[in-house]
Amino acid sequence: MSDRSHVHHRLFVIGALLVGMGFSSAASAESVFVKYRGPVDLASFTCESIERSSLVKRLCYDAEQEYVIVNLTGTYYHYCEVPANVVADWRAAGSMGQFYNAAVKGRYDCRFLRMPA
């Protein structure tokens, strides 16, 4: 077996082991229930679990649609037409809860702004 074939064989075996252990290279489909909206598929979102906030537990953003799904102490809410720079500032904020209250809450209401299908 050539060196190149040997490397490919090892990679195949490692990949097979990871799949057998429940790991996959493809992202698994996830859907969350959003208050005032219902189920939302997160396939197009970039999500981040938040450990440093007592209010914001998870922040998901679909940059193409400018659509935010956020878990606030166990309940998912959505916000529409949120610019990428606002989400970047939110992620970088010293207090994610204070940023949410000052810069997001009440400003990106999906009842009045374009909501993705």
N, C-alpha and C. Protein backbone atom coordinates (compact mmCIF):
# COMPACT_ATOMS: atom_id res chain seq x y z
N MET A 1 0.85 -1.17 0.00
CA MET A 1 0.00 0.00 0.00
C MET A 1 0.90 1.24 0.00
N SER A 2 0.66 2.17 -0.91
CA SER A 2 1.47 3.39 -0.98
C SER A 2 1.18 4.28 0.23
N ASP A 3 2.08 5.24 0.47
CA ASP A 3 1.88 6.17 1.59
C ASP A 3 0.56 6.92 1.46
N ARG A 4 0.25 7.36 0.25
CA ARG A 4 -0.98 8.11 0.01
C ARG A 4 -2.21 7.22 0.27
N SER A 5 -2.18 5.99 -0.20
CA SER A 5 -3.29 5.06 0.03
C SER A 5 -3.44 4.76 1.51
N HIS A 6 -2.31 4.63 2.20
CA HIS A 6 -2.33 4.36 3.63
C HIS A 6 -3.00 5.52 4.39
N VAL A 7 -2.67 6.76 4.02
CA VAL A 7 -3.28 7.94 4.65
C VAL A 7 -4.78 7.97 4.39
N HIS A 8 -5.19 7.74 3.15
CA HIS A 8 -6.62 7.73 2.80
C HIS A 8 -7.36 6.65 3.58
N HIS A 9 -6.73 5.47 3.73
CA HIS A 9 -7.34 4.38 4.48
C HIS A 9 -7.53 4.78 5.94
N ARG A 10 -6.52 5.40 6.53
CA ARG A 10 -6.62 5.84 7.93
C ARG A 10 -7.73 6.87 8.10
N LEU A 11 -7.81 7.83 7.17
CA LEU A 11 -8.87 8.85 7.25
C LEU A 11 -10.25 8.21 7.13
N PHE A 12 -10.39 7.21 6.26
CA PHE A 12 -11.66 6.52 6.11
C PHE A 12 -12.04 5.82 7.41
N VAL A 13 -11.08 5.14 8.01
CA VAL A 13 -11.35 4.42 9.26
C VAL A 13 -11.73 5.40 10.37
N ILE A 14 -11.01 6.50 10.49
CA ILE A 14 -11.33 7.51 11.50
C ILE A 14 -12.73 8.07 11.27
N GLY A 15 -13.05 8.39 10.02
CA GLY A 15 -14.39 8.90 9.69
C GLY A 15 -15.47 7.90 10.04
N ALA A 16 -15.24 6.63 9.74
CA ALA A 16 -16.22 5.59 10.05
C ALA A 16 -16.41 5.46 11.56
N LEU A 17 -15.32 5.57 12.31
CA LEU A 17 -15.43 5.52 13.78
C LEU A 17 -16.23 6.69 14.32
N LEU A 18 -15.98 7.89 13.80
CA LEU A 18 -16.71 9.07 14.27
C LEU A 18 -18.20 8.96 13.96
N VAL A 19 -18.54 8.51 12.76
CA VAL A 19 -19.95 8.33 12.41
C VAL A 19 -20.58 7.29 13.32
N GLY A 20 -19.86 6.21 13.58
CA GLY A 20 -20.37 5.17 14.47
C GLY A 20 -20.58 5.66 15.89
N MET A 21 -19.82 6.68 16.30
CA MET A 21 -19.96 7.24 17.64
C MET A 21 -21.02 8.34 17.68
N GLY A 22 -21.65 8.63 16.56
CA GLY A 22 -22.72 9.63 16.53
C GLY A 22 -22.29 10.99 16.03
N PHE A 23 -21.03 11.12 15.58
CA PHE A 23 -20.57 12.37 15.01
C PHE A 23 -20.79 12.32 13.51
N SER A 24 -21.11 13.46 12.93
CA SER A 24 -21.33 13.53 11.50
C SER A 24 -20.78 14.84 10.97
N SER A 25 -20.29 14.84 9.76
CA SER A 25 -19.80 16.07 9.17
C SER A 25 -20.95 16.96 8.73
N ALA A 26 -22.10 16.40 8.45
CA ALA A 26 -23.27 17.19 8.06
C ALA A 26 -23.96 17.70 9.31
N ALA A 27 -24.41 18.95 9.26
CA ALA A 27 -25.11 19.52 10.40
C ALA A 27 -26.47 18.84 10.54
N SER A 28 -26.80 18.50 11.76
CA SER A 28 -28.09 17.86 11.96
C SER A 28 -29.17 18.93 11.99
N ALA A 29 -30.34 18.57 11.50
CA ALA A 29 -31.45 19.52 11.46
C ALA A 29 -31.94 19.78 12.87
N GLU A 30 -32.19 21.05 13.14
CA GLU A 30 -32.72 21.43 14.45
C GLU A 30 -33.82 22.45 14.24
N SER A 31 -34.86 22.28 14.99
CA SER A 31 -35.98 23.22 14.95
C SER A 31 -36.28 23.62 16.38
N VAL A 32 -36.60 24.91 16.59
CA VAL A 32 -36.97 25.38 17.92
C VAL A 32 -38.34 26.04 17.83
N PHE A 33 -39.05 26.05 18.95
CA PHE A 33 -40.36 26.69 19.00
C PHE A 33 -40.16 28.13 19.44
N VAL A 34 -40.55 29.06 18.58
CA VAL A 34 -40.38 30.49 18.84
C VAL A 34 -41.73 31.09 19.24
N LYS A 35 -41.72 31.77 20.38
CA LYS A 35 -42.95 32.42 20.88
C LYS A 35 -43.44 33.41 19.83
N TYR A 36 -44.73 33.41 19.59
CA TYR A 36 -45.42 34.28 18.61
C TYR A 36 -45.15 33.87 17.16
N ARG A 37 -44.43 32.77 16.93
CA ARG A 37 -44.17 32.34 15.56
C ARG A 37 -44.44 30.86 15.36
N GLY A 38 -43.96 30.01 16.27
CA GLY A 38 -44.08 28.57 16.12
C GLY A 38 -42.72 27.98 15.79
N PRO A 39 -42.70 26.78 15.18
CA PRO A 39 -41.43 26.11 14.90
C PRO A 39 -40.61 26.85 13.83
N VAL A 40 -39.31 26.96 14.06
CA VAL A 40 -38.39 27.57 13.10
C VAL A 40 -37.20 26.62 12.93
N ASP A 41 -36.90 26.28 11.68
CA ASP A 41 -35.75 25.44 11.35
C ASP A 41 -34.49 26.29 11.41
N LEU A 42 -33.51 25.84 12.16
CA LEU A 42 -32.28 26.61 12.35
C LEU A 42 -31.18 26.27 11.34
N ALA A 43 -31.51 25.56 10.29
CA ALA A 43 -30.48 25.13 9.32
C ALA A 43 -29.70 26.30 8.73
N SER A 44 -30.34 27.44 8.51
CA SER A 44 -29.67 28.57 7.87
C SER A 44 -29.05 29.53 8.89
N PHE A 45 -29.14 29.23 10.16
CA PHE A 45 -28.66 30.12 11.22
C PHE A 45 -27.26 29.72 11.70
N THR A 46 -26.55 30.70 12.19
CA THR A 46 -25.33 30.47 12.96
C THR A 46 -25.72 30.69 14.40
N CYS A 47 -25.58 29.65 15.22
CA CYS A 47 -26.02 29.72 16.61
C CYS A 47 -24.83 29.64 17.56
N GLU A 48 -25.00 30.31 18.69
CA GLU A 48 -23.97 30.33 19.72
C GLU A 48 -24.65 30.17 21.07
N SER A 49 -24.22 29.18 21.84
CA SER A 49 -24.70 29.03 23.21
C SER A 49 -23.96 30.04 24.07
N ILE A 50 -24.69 30.68 24.97
CA ILE A 50 -24.14 31.74 25.80
C ILE A 50 -24.09 31.27 27.25
N GLU A 51 -22.91 31.30 27.84
CA GLU A 51 -22.73 30.89 29.22
C GLU A 51 -22.61 32.09 30.16
N ARG A 52 -22.24 33.24 29.64
CA ARG A 52 -21.88 34.38 30.48
C ARG A 52 -23.02 35.33 30.78
N SER A 53 -24.24 34.99 30.36
CA SER A 53 -25.38 35.88 30.57
C SER A 53 -26.47 35.17 31.36
N SER A 54 -27.08 35.89 32.27
CA SER A 54 -28.20 35.30 33.01
C SER A 54 -29.51 35.41 32.22
N LEU A 55 -29.55 36.25 31.19
CA LEU A 55 -30.75 36.42 30.37
C LEU A 55 -30.63 35.70 29.03
N VAL A 56 -29.58 35.99 28.29
CA VAL A 56 -29.39 35.44 26.94
C VAL A 56 -28.70 34.09 27.05
N LYS A 57 -29.40 33.04 26.64
CA LYS A 57 -28.86 31.68 26.75
C LYS A 57 -28.34 31.15 25.41
N ARG A 58 -28.91 31.64 24.31
CA ARG A 58 -28.49 31.20 22.98
C ARG A 58 -28.85 32.29 21.99
N LEU A 59 -27.97 32.54 21.04
CA LEU A 59 -28.18 33.57 20.04
C LEU A 59 -27.95 32.96 18.67
N CYS A 60 -28.97 33.00 17.81
CA CYS A 60 -28.89 32.44 16.46
C CYS A 60 -29.17 33.55 15.46
N TYR A 61 -28.39 33.58 14.38
CA TYR A 61 -28.54 34.65 13.40
C TYR A 61 -28.45 34.10 11.99
N ASP A 62 -29.41 34.49 11.16
CA ASP A 62 -29.41 34.20 9.74
C ASP A 62 -29.05 35.52 9.06
N ALA A 63 -27.78 35.67 8.67
CA ALA A 63 -27.29 36.93 8.12
C ALA A 63 -27.98 37.31 6.82
N GLU A 64 -28.27 36.32 5.98
CA GLU A 64 -28.91 36.62 4.70
C GLU A 64 -30.30 37.22 4.90
N GLN A 65 -31.03 36.71 5.86
CA GLN A 65 -32.40 37.19 6.12
C GLN A 65 -32.44 38.28 7.20
N GLU A 66 -31.30 38.55 7.84
CA GLU A 66 -31.22 39.49 8.96
C GLU A 66 -32.25 39.13 10.04
N TYR A 67 -32.24 37.85 10.40
CA TYR A 67 -33.26 37.29 11.28
C TYR A 67 -32.59 36.69 12.51
N VAL A 68 -33.00 37.12 13.69
CA VAL A 68 -32.44 36.65 14.95
C VAL A 68 -33.44 35.78 15.68
N ILE A 69 -32.95 34.66 16.19
CA ILE A 69 -33.70 33.82 17.13
C ILE A 69 -32.85 33.82 18.40
N VAL A 70 -33.46 34.20 19.52
CA VAL A 70 -32.71 34.29 20.77
C VAL A 70 -33.46 33.56 21.88
N ASN A 71 -32.71 32.80 22.67
CA ASN A 71 -33.28 32.12 23.83
C ASN A 71 -33.03 33.01 25.04
N LEU A 72 -34.12 33.50 25.60
CA LEU A 72 -34.05 34.32 26.80
C LEU A 72 -34.60 33.50 27.96
N THR A 73 -33.73 33.07 28.83
CA THR A 73 -34.06 32.24 30.00
C THR A 73 -35.07 31.13 29.68
N GLY A 74 -34.82 30.43 28.58
CA GLY A 74 -35.60 29.24 28.26
C GLY A 74 -36.68 29.41 27.21
N THR A 75 -36.99 30.63 26.81
CA THR A 75 -38.01 30.88 25.79
C THR A 75 -37.35 31.52 24.58
N TYR A 76 -37.66 30.99 23.38
CA TYR A 76 -37.12 31.55 22.14
C TYR A 76 -38.03 32.66 21.63
N TYR A 77 -37.39 33.77 21.24
CA TYR A 77 -38.07 34.92 20.62
C TYR A 77 -37.38 35.21 19.30
N HIS A 78 -38.05 35.99 18.44
CA HIS A 78 -37.44 36.33 17.16
C HIS A 78 -37.49 37.83 16.92
N TYR A 79 -36.51 38.28 16.12
CA TYR A 79 -36.40 39.69 15.77
C TYR A 79 -36.03 39.79 14.30
N CYS A 80 -36.66 40.74 13.61
CA CYS A 80 -36.54 40.84 12.16
C CYS A 80 -35.76 42.08 11.73
N GLU A 81 -35.12 41.96 10.57
CA GLU A 81 -34.33 43.03 9.96
C GLU A 81 -33.27 43.58 10.92
N VAL A 82 -32.58 42.66 11.59
CA VAL A 82 -31.53 43.04 12.51
C VAL A 82 -30.21 43.06 11.73
N PRO A 83 -29.57 44.23 11.61
CA PRO A 83 -28.32 44.31 10.86
C PRO A 83 -27.20 43.49 11.51
N ALA A 84 -26.29 43.01 10.69
CA ALA A 84 -25.19 42.18 11.17
C ALA A 84 -24.34 42.90 12.21
N ASN A 85 -24.15 44.22 12.05
CA ASN A 85 -23.33 44.95 13.02
C ASN A 85 -23.98 44.99 14.40
N VAL A 86 -25.31 44.99 14.47
CA VAL A 86 -26.00 44.96 15.75
C VAL A 86 -25.77 43.61 16.43
N VAL A 87 -25.85 42.53 15.66
CA VAL A 87 -25.62 41.19 16.22
C VAL A 87 -24.16 41.06 16.67
N ALA A 88 -23.22 41.58 15.90
CA ALA A 88 -21.80 41.53 16.29
C ALA A 88 -21.58 42.30 17.59
N ASP A 89 -22.19 43.48 17.69
CA ASP A 89 -22.06 44.27 18.92
C ASP A 89 -22.71 43.55 20.10
N TRP A 90 -23.83 42.88 19.85
CA TRP A 90 -24.52 42.14 20.90
C TRP A 90 -23.63 41.01 21.41
N ARG A 91 -23.04 40.27 20.49
CA ARG A 91 -22.16 39.16 20.87
C ARG A 91 -20.94 39.64 21.65
N ALA A 92 -20.48 40.85 21.36
CA ALA A 92 -19.28 41.39 22.00
C ALA A 92 -19.58 42.20 23.26
N ALA A 93 -20.84 42.43 23.54
CA ALA A 93 -21.22 43.30 24.66
C ALA A 93 -20.75 42.75 26.00
N GLY A 94 -20.36 43.65 26.88
CA GLY A 94 -19.97 43.26 28.23
C GLY A 94 -21.12 42.60 28.97
N SER A 95 -22.32 43.14 28.77
CA SER A 95 -23.55 42.55 29.32
C SER A 95 -24.51 42.33 28.17
N MET A 96 -24.73 41.07 27.82
CA MET A 96 -25.62 40.76 26.70
C MET A 96 -27.07 41.11 27.03
N GLY A 97 -27.45 40.97 28.29
CA GLY A 97 -28.80 41.32 28.72
C GLY A 97 -29.05 42.82 28.63
N GLN A 98 -28.10 43.61 29.09
CA GLN A 98 -28.24 45.07 29.00
C GLN A 98 -28.28 45.52 27.55
N PHE A 99 -27.43 44.91 26.70
CA PHE A 99 -27.44 45.25 25.28
C PHE A 99 -28.80 44.91 24.68
N TYR A 100 -29.32 43.74 24.99
CA TYR A 100 -30.63 43.33 24.48
C TYR A 100 -31.70 44.37 24.86
N ASN A 101 -31.74 44.74 26.13
CA ASN A 101 -32.75 45.68 26.60
C ASN A 101 -32.60 47.07 25.97
N ALA A 102 -31.37 47.50 25.74
CA ALA A 102 -31.13 48.84 25.20
C ALA A 102 -31.19 48.93 23.68
N ALA A 103 -30.76 47.88 22.99
CA ALA A 103 -30.58 47.99 21.54
C ALA A 103 -31.42 47.05 20.68
N VAL A 104 -32.06 46.04 21.27
CA VAL A 104 -32.80 45.06 20.47
C VAL A 104 -34.29 45.06 20.82
N LYS A 105 -34.59 44.88 22.07
CA LYS A 105 -35.98 44.78 22.53
C LYS A 105 -36.78 46.01 22.09
N GLY A 106 -37.88 45.75 21.42
CA GLY A 106 -38.76 46.83 20.97
C GLY A 106 -38.34 47.51 19.68
N ARG A 107 -37.20 47.15 19.12
CA ARG A 107 -36.71 47.83 17.92
C ARG A 107 -36.84 47.01 16.63
N TYR A 108 -36.90 45.70 16.74
CA TYR A 108 -36.89 44.84 15.55
C TYR A 108 -38.09 43.90 15.57
N ASP A 109 -39.24 44.47 15.84
CA ASP A 109 -40.49 43.72 16.01
C ASP A 109 -40.95 43.11 14.68
N CYS A 110 -41.04 41.80 14.65
CA CYS A 110 -41.44 41.09 13.43
C CYS A 110 -42.89 41.35 13.04
N ARG A 111 -43.70 41.91 13.92
CA ARG A 111 -45.08 42.25 13.56
C ARG A 111 -45.10 43.41 12.57
N PHE A 112 -44.06 44.22 12.57
CA PHE A 112 -44.03 45.42 11.73
C PHE A 112 -42.94 45.39 10.66
N LEU A 113 -41.99 44.49 10.78
CA LEU A 113 -40.88 44.40 9.84
C LEU A 113 -40.99 43.10 9.04
N ARG A 114 -40.20 43.01 7.97
CA ARG A 114 -40.22 41.83 7.09
C ARG A 114 -39.74 40.59 7.84
N MET A 115 -40.62 39.60 7.90
CA MET A 115 -40.28 38.33 8.55
C MET A 115 -40.04 37.28 7.47
N PRO A 116 -38.94 36.53 7.56
CA PRO A 116 -38.68 35.48 6.56
C PRO A 116 -39.78 34.43 6.55
N ALA A 117 -39.97 33.83 5.41
CA ALA A 117 -41.02 32.80 5.25
C ALA A 117 -40.73 31.58 6.08
